[in-house]
Amino acid sequence: MKRTLIKVIDVCTSHQMEIHFVRQLSESGLIDIVVYKDEEFLDEEQLQPLEQYATWHYDLDINIQGIEVAQQLLLKIEQLQEEVNRLR
């Protein structure tokens, strides 16, 4: 399947977010940035989590470390829900 890549700068402009914020998310492992010919891109599958993290950061004033914790808690909840469903 072909990957659709979107320039990080275009995402930042359209969503009114700082490129530094996106780079911090990448450095913390929350999203993946693809570098091709000295330009930064996001896979389209990264847009939904990026938008969620941006909402947490800009609307709720949660820092990168808080976003990491919240994401880990959400993953744990999903795992527990799957386990409950299996046990039923």
Protein backbone atom coordinates (compact mmCIF):
# COMPACT_ATOMS: atom_id res chain seq x y z
CA MET A 1 0.00 0.00 0.00
CA LYS A 2 1.28 3.45 -0.91
CA ARG A 3 2.07 5.84 1.91
CA THR A 4 0.73 9.36 1.76
CA LEU A 5 3.19 11.85 3.19
CA ILE A 6 2.28 15.39 4.18
CA LYS A 7 4.80 18.16 4.80
CA VAL A 8 5.11 18.98 8.49
CA ILE A 9 5.21 22.70 7.74
CA ASP A 10 1.87 22.44 5.89
CA VAL A 11 0.27 20.58 8.81
CA CYS A 12 1.58 23.17 11.24
CA THR A 13 0.28 26.03 9.14
CA SER A 14 -3.18 24.54 8.61
CA HIS A 15 -3.57 23.49 12.26
CA GLN A 16 -1.92 26.61 13.68
CA MET A 17 0.67 24.72 15.69
CA GLU A 18 4.36 25.28 16.22
CA ILE A 19 6.80 23.10 14.31
CA HIS A 20 8.85 22.87 17.52
CA PHE A 21 5.89 21.14 19.19
CA VAL A 22 5.72 18.53 16.39
CA ARG A 23 9.46 17.94 16.62
CA GLN A 24 9.18 17.46 20.40
CA LEU A 25 6.46 14.86 19.86
CA SER A 26 8.74 13.08 17.43
CA GLU A 27 11.72 13.21 19.81
CA SER A 28 9.57 11.67 22.57
CA GLY A 29 8.44 8.88 20.22
CA LEU A 30 4.77 9.88 20.11
CA ILE A 31 4.77 10.46 16.35
CA ASP A 32 7.15 9.65 13.51
CA ILE A 33 8.61 12.28 11.22
CA VAL A 34 9.98 11.11 7.88
CA VAL A 35 12.86 13.18 6.47
CA TYR A 36 13.21 13.11 2.71
CA LYS A 37 15.46 15.47 0.76
CA ASP A 38 15.92 17.71 3.81
CA GLU A 39 12.16 18.13 4.27
CA GLU A 40 10.08 16.77 7.14
CA PHE A 41 6.94 14.77 6.45
CA LEU A 42 4.23 12.98 8.41
CA ASP A 43 2.48 9.85 7.27
CA GLU A 44 -1.24 10.56 7.01
CA GLU A 45 -1.85 7.96 9.75
CA GLN A 46 0.01 10.28 12.13
CA LEU A 47 -2.48 13.13 11.67
CA GLN A 48 -5.17 11.86 14.05
CA PRO A 49 -2.80 11.35 17.00
CA LEU A 50 -1.06 14.65 16.20
CA GLU A 51 -4.38 16.50 16.28
CA GLN A 52 -5.25 14.84 19.60
CA TYR A 53 -1.89 15.78 21.12
CA ALA A 54 -2.23 19.33 19.82
CA THR A 55 -5.64 19.63 21.47
CA TRP A 56 -4.23 18.38 24.77
CA HIS A 57 -1.27 20.75 24.51
CA TYR A 58 -2.89 23.94 23.25
CA ASP A 59 -6.40 23.67 24.72
CA LEU A 60 -5.63 21.87 27.99
CA ASP A 61 -2.09 23.24 28.48
CA ILE A 62 -0.55 19.77 28.89
CA ASN A 63 3.20 19.56 28.33
CA ILE A 64 4.99 16.84 26.35
CA GLN A 65 5.64 14.73 29.43
CA GLY A 66 1.96 14.92 30.37
CA ILE A 67 0.99 13.88 26.84
CA GLU A 68 3.33 10.88 27.11
CA VAL A 69 1.69 9.83 30.39
CA ALA A 70 -1.84 10.34 29.05
CA GLN A 71 -1.06 8.30 25.94
CA GLN A 72 0.40 5.46 28.01
CA LEU A 73 -2.69 5.46 30.25
CA LEU A 74 -5.00 5.34 27.23
CA LEU A 75 -3.04 2.41 25.80
CA LYS A 76 -3.28 0.59 29.12
CA ILE A 77 -7.05 1.19 29.26
CA GLU A 78 -7.44 -0.22 25.74
CA GLN A 79 -5.43 -3.30 26.69
CA LEU A 80 -7.53 -3.85 29.81
CA GLN A 81 -10.76 -3.44 27.82
CA GLU A 82 -9.56 -6.04 25.32
CA GLU A 83 -8.71 -8.39 28.17
CA VAL A 84 -12.17 -7.93 29.72
CA ASN A 85 -13.77 -8.66 26.35
CA ARG A 86 -11.71 -11.84 25.97
CA LEU A 87 -12.70 -13.00 29.45
CA ARG A 88 -16.42 -12.56 28.74
